[in-house]
């Protein structure tokens, strides 16, 4: 099986907001995993730069991802982007060439 939508989301914190942003992002994981169409939602930090957070996400459809981006548990991030982020959120769309693991 291949997902209909795969993305890498990159979120870069300002150094003085890194810990707070990490808490906000971590709080998104469980409610996002419970959303319709979420196949996986994995939260990472860059091994060399702890201010860089990365999400690896697979969704059944692009519409499921679009619905995700409107959810209230993302509001704490979206409402404070200018305060917390060193640069805008980057979303890179990918095409999965293999079947999903498992």
N, C-alpha and C. Protein backbone atom coordinates (compact mmCIF):
# COMPACT_ATOMS: atom_id res chain seq x y z
N UNK A 1 0.83 -1.19 0.00
CA UNK A 1 0.00 0.00 0.00
C UNK A 1 0.88 1.25 0.00
N UNK A 2 0.46 2.22 -0.77
CA UNK A 2 1.14 3.51 -0.79
C UNK A 2 0.16 4.58 -0.30
N UNK A 3 0.66 5.54 0.50
CA UNK A 3 -0.21 6.62 0.94
C UNK A 3 -0.53 7.56 -0.22
N UNK A 4 -1.61 8.28 -0.10
CA UNK A 4 -1.96 9.26 -1.11
C UNK A 4 -1.19 10.56 -0.96
N UNK A 5 -0.61 10.78 0.22
CA UNK A 5 0.10 12.02 0.49
C UNK A 5 1.19 11.78 1.52
N UNK A 6 2.42 12.11 1.17
CA UNK A 6 3.56 12.02 2.08
C UNK A 6 4.23 13.38 2.14
N UNK A 7 4.52 13.84 3.35
CA UNK A 7 5.23 15.11 3.48
C UNK A 7 6.33 15.03 4.54
N UNK A 8 7.27 15.93 4.39
CA UNK A 8 8.24 16.26 5.42
C UNK A 8 7.95 17.70 5.82
N UNK A 9 7.63 17.91 7.08
CA UNK A 9 7.40 19.26 7.59
C UNK A 9 8.58 19.66 8.46
N UNK A 10 9.17 20.81 8.17
CA UNK A 10 10.32 21.29 8.93
C UNK A 10 9.94 22.58 9.64
N UNK A 11 10.21 22.60 10.94
CA UNK A 11 9.87 23.73 11.80
C UNK A 11 11.15 24.13 12.53
N UNK A 12 11.57 25.38 12.38
CA UNK A 12 12.83 25.83 12.98
C UNK A 12 12.53 26.86 14.06
N UNK A 13 12.96 26.55 15.26
CA UNK A 13 12.74 27.43 16.41
C UNK A 13 13.80 28.51 16.49
N UNK A 14 13.40 29.64 17.05
CA UNK A 14 14.39 30.61 17.51
C UNK A 14 15.08 29.96 18.71
N UNK A 15 16.38 30.17 18.89
CA UNK A 15 17.09 29.50 19.99
C UNK A 15 16.43 29.70 21.36
N UNK A 16 15.91 30.88 21.62
CA UNK A 16 15.33 31.14 22.94
C UNK A 16 13.92 30.58 23.10
N UNK A 17 13.33 30.04 22.05
CA UNK A 17 11.99 29.45 22.14
C UNK A 17 11.99 27.95 21.86
N UNK A 18 13.17 27.35 21.71
CA UNK A 18 13.27 25.94 21.33
C UNK A 18 12.51 25.02 22.28
N UNK A 19 12.72 25.16 23.59
CA UNK A 19 12.08 24.25 24.54
C UNK A 19 10.56 24.39 24.51
N UNK A 20 10.07 25.62 24.46
CA UNK A 20 8.64 25.84 24.41
C UNK A 20 8.04 25.29 23.12
N UNK A 21 8.71 25.53 22.00
CA UNK A 21 8.22 25.02 20.72
C UNK A 21 8.21 23.50 20.72
N UNK A 22 9.22 22.88 21.28
CA UNK A 22 9.25 21.42 21.33
C UNK A 22 8.03 20.89 22.09
N UNK A 23 7.66 21.53 23.18
CA UNK A 23 6.47 21.10 23.94
C UNK A 23 5.20 21.26 23.10
N UNK A 24 5.09 22.39 22.42
CA UNK A 24 3.91 22.64 21.57
C UNK A 24 3.81 21.59 20.46
N UNK A 25 4.93 21.32 19.81
CA UNK A 25 4.93 20.34 18.71
C UNK A 25 4.66 18.93 19.23
N UNK A 26 5.26 18.58 20.34
CA UNK A 26 5.04 17.24 20.90
C UNK A 26 3.57 17.03 21.26
N UNK A 27 2.91 18.09 21.72
CA UNK A 27 1.49 17.99 22.08
C UNK A 27 0.59 17.73 20.88
N UNK A 28 1.08 17.96 19.67
CA UNK A 28 0.30 17.72 18.46
C UNK A 28 0.29 16.25 18.05
N UNK A 29 1.25 15.48 18.53
CA UNK A 29 1.45 14.13 18.00
C UNK A 29 0.24 13.22 18.23
N UNK A 30 -0.17 13.04 19.47
CA UNK A 30 -1.25 12.08 19.74
C UNK A 30 -2.57 12.48 19.10
N UNK A 31 -3.02 13.75 19.21
CA UNK A 31 -4.29 14.07 18.54
C UNK A 31 -4.21 13.94 17.02
N UNK A 32 -3.04 14.22 16.44
CA UNK A 32 -2.90 14.08 15.00
C UNK A 32 -2.96 12.62 14.60
N UNK A 33 -2.30 11.75 15.36
CA UNK A 33 -2.33 10.32 15.04
C UNK A 33 -3.74 9.75 15.10
N UNK A 34 -4.63 10.39 15.84
CA UNK A 34 -6.01 9.92 15.96
C UNK A 34 -6.92 10.45 14.85
N UNK A 35 -6.40 11.34 14.02
CA UNK A 35 -7.22 11.93 12.95
C UNK A 35 -7.51 10.92 11.85
N UNK A 36 -8.66 11.08 11.22
CA UNK A 36 -9.00 10.27 10.05
C UNK A 36 -7.96 10.49 8.96
N UNK A 37 -7.48 9.41 8.39
CA UNK A 37 -6.55 9.50 7.27
C UNK A 37 -5.08 9.57 7.65
N UNK A 38 -4.77 9.70 8.94
CA UNK A 38 -3.36 9.75 9.35
C UNK A 38 -2.82 8.32 9.40
N UNK A 39 -1.84 8.04 8.56
CA UNK A 39 -1.20 6.72 8.55
C UNK A 39 0.01 6.69 9.48
N UNK A 40 0.78 7.76 9.49
CA UNK A 40 1.82 7.96 10.51
C UNK A 40 2.18 9.42 10.59
N UNK A 41 2.65 9.79 11.78
CA UNK A 41 2.99 11.18 12.09
C UNK A 41 4.13 11.09 13.09
N UNK A 42 5.34 11.23 12.60
CA UNK A 42 6.53 10.99 13.42
C UNK A 42 7.30 12.29 13.62
N UNK A 43 7.64 12.58 14.86
CA UNK A 43 8.25 13.83 15.29
C UNK A 43 9.73 13.60 15.58
N UNK A 44 10.59 14.43 14.99
CA UNK A 44 12.05 14.29 15.13
C UNK A 44 12.68 15.65 15.42
N UNK A 45 13.89 15.60 15.97
CA UNK A 45 14.75 16.78 16.06
C UNK A 45 16.03 16.46 15.29
N UNK A 46 16.56 17.46 14.62
CA UNK A 46 17.82 17.31 13.89
C UNK A 46 18.92 16.91 14.87
N UNK A 47 19.72 15.93 14.52
CA UNK A 47 20.77 15.43 15.41
C UNK A 47 21.89 16.45 15.63
N UNK A 48 22.05 17.38 14.72
CA UNK A 48 23.12 18.37 14.85
C UNK A 48 22.63 19.75 15.25
N UNK A 49 21.35 20.04 15.03
CA UNK A 49 20.80 21.35 15.36
C UNK A 49 19.48 21.15 16.10
N UNK A 50 19.48 21.25 17.42
CA UNK A 50 18.26 20.98 18.19
C UNK A 50 17.14 21.98 17.97
N UNK A 51 17.40 23.06 17.26
CA UNK A 51 16.34 24.02 16.94
C UNK A 51 15.53 23.61 15.72
N UNK A 52 15.98 22.57 15.02
CA UNK A 52 15.29 22.11 13.80
C UNK A 52 14.47 20.87 14.14
N UNK A 53 13.16 20.98 13.97
CA UNK A 53 12.23 19.87 14.20
C UNK A 53 11.67 19.43 12.86
N UNK A 54 11.48 18.12 12.72
CA UNK A 54 11.03 17.56 11.45
C UNK A 54 9.90 16.56 11.72
N UNK A 55 8.84 16.67 10.93
CA UNK A 55 7.75 15.70 10.96
C UNK A 55 7.78 14.91 9.66
N UNK A 56 7.69 13.59 9.80
CA UNK A 56 7.52 12.71 8.64
C UNK A 56 6.09 12.21 8.73
N UNK A 57 5.30 12.49 7.69
CA UNK A 57 3.87 12.22 7.74
C UNK A 57 3.39 11.49 6.48
N UNK A 58 2.51 10.53 6.69
CA UNK A 58 1.81 9.87 5.59
C UNK A 58 0.32 9.94 5.86
N UNK A 59 -0.41 10.35 4.82
CA UNK A 59 -1.85 10.54 4.90
C UNK A 59 -2.52 9.74 3.78
N UNK A 60 -3.72 9.27 4.04
CA UNK A 60 -4.45 8.50 3.04
C UNK A 60 -4.69 9.33 1.79
N UNK A 61 -5.07 10.60 1.98
CA UNK A 61 -5.33 11.49 0.84
C UNK A 61 -4.80 12.89 1.15
N UNK A 62 -4.63 13.68 0.12
CA UNK A 62 -4.27 15.09 0.29
C UNK A 62 -5.37 15.83 1.05
N UNK A 63 -6.61 15.44 0.86
CA UNK A 63 -7.72 16.07 1.57
C UNK A 63 -7.61 15.82 3.08
N UNK A 64 -7.11 14.64 3.47
CA UNK A 64 -6.90 14.37 4.90
C UNK A 64 -5.84 15.30 5.47
N UNK A 65 -4.76 15.53 4.73
CA UNK A 65 -3.74 16.48 5.17
C UNK A 65 -4.33 17.88 5.27
N UNK A 66 -5.07 18.29 4.26
CA UNK A 66 -5.69 19.62 4.28
C UNK A 66 -6.60 19.78 5.50
N UNK A 67 -7.37 18.73 5.84
CA UNK A 67 -8.23 18.78 7.02
C UNK A 67 -7.39 18.89 8.29
N UNK A 68 -6.28 18.16 8.33
CA UNK A 68 -5.37 18.21 9.48
C UNK A 68 -4.90 19.64 9.75
N UNK A 69 -4.60 20.36 8.70
CA UNK A 69 -4.04 21.71 8.86
C UNK A 69 -5.06 22.71 9.42
N UNK A 70 -6.32 22.30 9.55
CA UNK A 70 -7.35 23.17 10.13
C UNK A 70 -7.69 22.78 11.57
N UNK A 71 -7.05 21.77 12.12
CA UNK A 71 -7.43 21.25 13.44
C UNK A 71 -7.02 22.19 14.57
N UNK A 72 -7.80 22.22 15.64
CA UNK A 72 -7.51 23.13 16.76
C UNK A 72 -6.20 22.83 17.49
N UNK A 73 -5.72 21.58 17.45
CA UNK A 73 -4.47 21.29 18.16
C UNK A 73 -3.25 21.87 17.44
N UNK A 74 -3.42 22.41 16.24
CA UNK A 74 -2.32 23.11 15.55
C UNK A 74 -2.33 24.61 15.84
N UNK A 75 -3.41 25.09 16.42
CA UNK A 75 -3.57 26.52 16.69
C UNK A 75 -2.44 27.10 17.56
N UNK A 76 -1.98 26.42 18.61
CA UNK A 76 -0.89 27.00 19.41
C UNK A 76 0.38 27.28 18.60
N UNK A 77 0.63 26.50 17.57
CA UNK A 77 1.77 26.76 16.69
C UNK A 77 1.42 27.87 15.70
N UNK A 78 0.33 27.74 14.99
CA UNK A 78 0.00 28.69 13.93
C UNK A 78 -0.24 30.10 14.47
N UNK A 79 -0.80 30.21 15.66
CA UNK A 79 -1.07 31.53 16.23
C UNK A 79 0.18 32.26 16.70
N UNK A 80 1.29 31.52 16.89
CA UNK A 80 2.49 32.14 17.45
C UNK A 80 3.73 31.95 16.57
N UNK A 81 3.52 31.72 15.29
CA UNK A 81 4.65 31.47 14.40
C UNK A 81 5.69 32.58 14.44
N UNK A 82 5.26 33.82 14.38
CA UNK A 82 6.21 34.93 14.37
C UNK A 82 7.04 35.01 15.63
N UNK A 83 6.46 34.63 16.73
CA UNK A 83 7.14 34.67 18.03
C UNK A 83 8.10 33.49 18.21
N UNK A 84 7.70 32.31 17.74
CA UNK A 84 8.42 31.07 18.04
C UNK A 84 9.41 30.63 16.97
N UNK A 85 9.13 30.96 15.70
CA UNK A 85 9.88 30.36 14.59
C UNK A 85 10.95 31.30 14.03
N UNK A 86 12.07 30.69 13.66
CA UNK A 86 13.15 31.43 13.01
C UNK A 86 12.84 31.69 11.54
N UNK A 87 11.97 30.85 10.96
CA UNK A 87 11.56 31.01 9.56
C UNK A 87 10.23 30.28 9.38
N UNK A 88 9.52 30.55 8.30
CA UNK A 88 8.22 29.89 8.09
C UNK A 88 8.35 28.37 8.04
N UNK A 89 7.27 27.70 8.42
CA UNK A 89 7.20 26.24 8.31
C UNK A 89 7.40 25.85 6.85
N UNK A 90 8.23 24.84 6.63
CA UNK A 90 8.45 24.32 5.27
C UNK A 90 7.76 22.97 5.15
N UNK A 91 6.95 22.81 4.12
CA UNK A 91 6.30 21.52 3.85
C UNK A 91 6.76 21.05 2.49
N UNK A 92 7.42 19.90 2.49
CA UNK A 92 7.90 19.30 1.24
C UNK A 92 7.06 18.06 0.95
N UNK A 93 6.40 18.06 -0.21
CA UNK A 93 5.59 16.91 -0.63
C UNK A 93 6.49 15.90 -1.33
N UNK A 94 6.29 14.64 -0.98
CA UNK A 94 7.08 13.55 -1.54
C UNK A 94 6.16 12.53 -2.24
N UNK A 95 6.75 11.78 -3.13
CA UNK A 95 6.06 10.64 -3.73
C UNK A 95 6.74 9.38 -3.23
N UNK A 96 6.01 8.55 -2.53
CA UNK A 96 6.58 7.31 -2.01
C UNK A 96 6.69 6.30 -3.15
N UNK A 97 7.88 5.78 -3.33
CA UNK A 97 8.12 4.84 -4.43
C UNK A 97 8.00 3.38 -3.99
N UNK A 98 8.19 3.13 -2.71
CA UNK A 98 8.03 1.77 -2.18
C UNK A 98 6.67 1.66 -1.50
N UNK A 99 6.29 0.44 -1.15
CA UNK A 99 5.13 0.26 -0.28
C UNK A 99 5.54 0.67 1.13
N UNK A 100 4.55 1.00 1.96
CA UNK A 100 4.84 1.35 3.34
C UNK A 100 5.30 0.11 4.10
N UNK A 101 6.17 0.31 5.07
CA UNK A 101 6.63 -0.78 5.93
C UNK A 101 5.46 -1.28 6.76
N UNK A 102 5.50 -2.56 7.10
CA UNK A 102 4.49 -3.12 8.00
C UNK A 102 3.30 -3.55 7.27
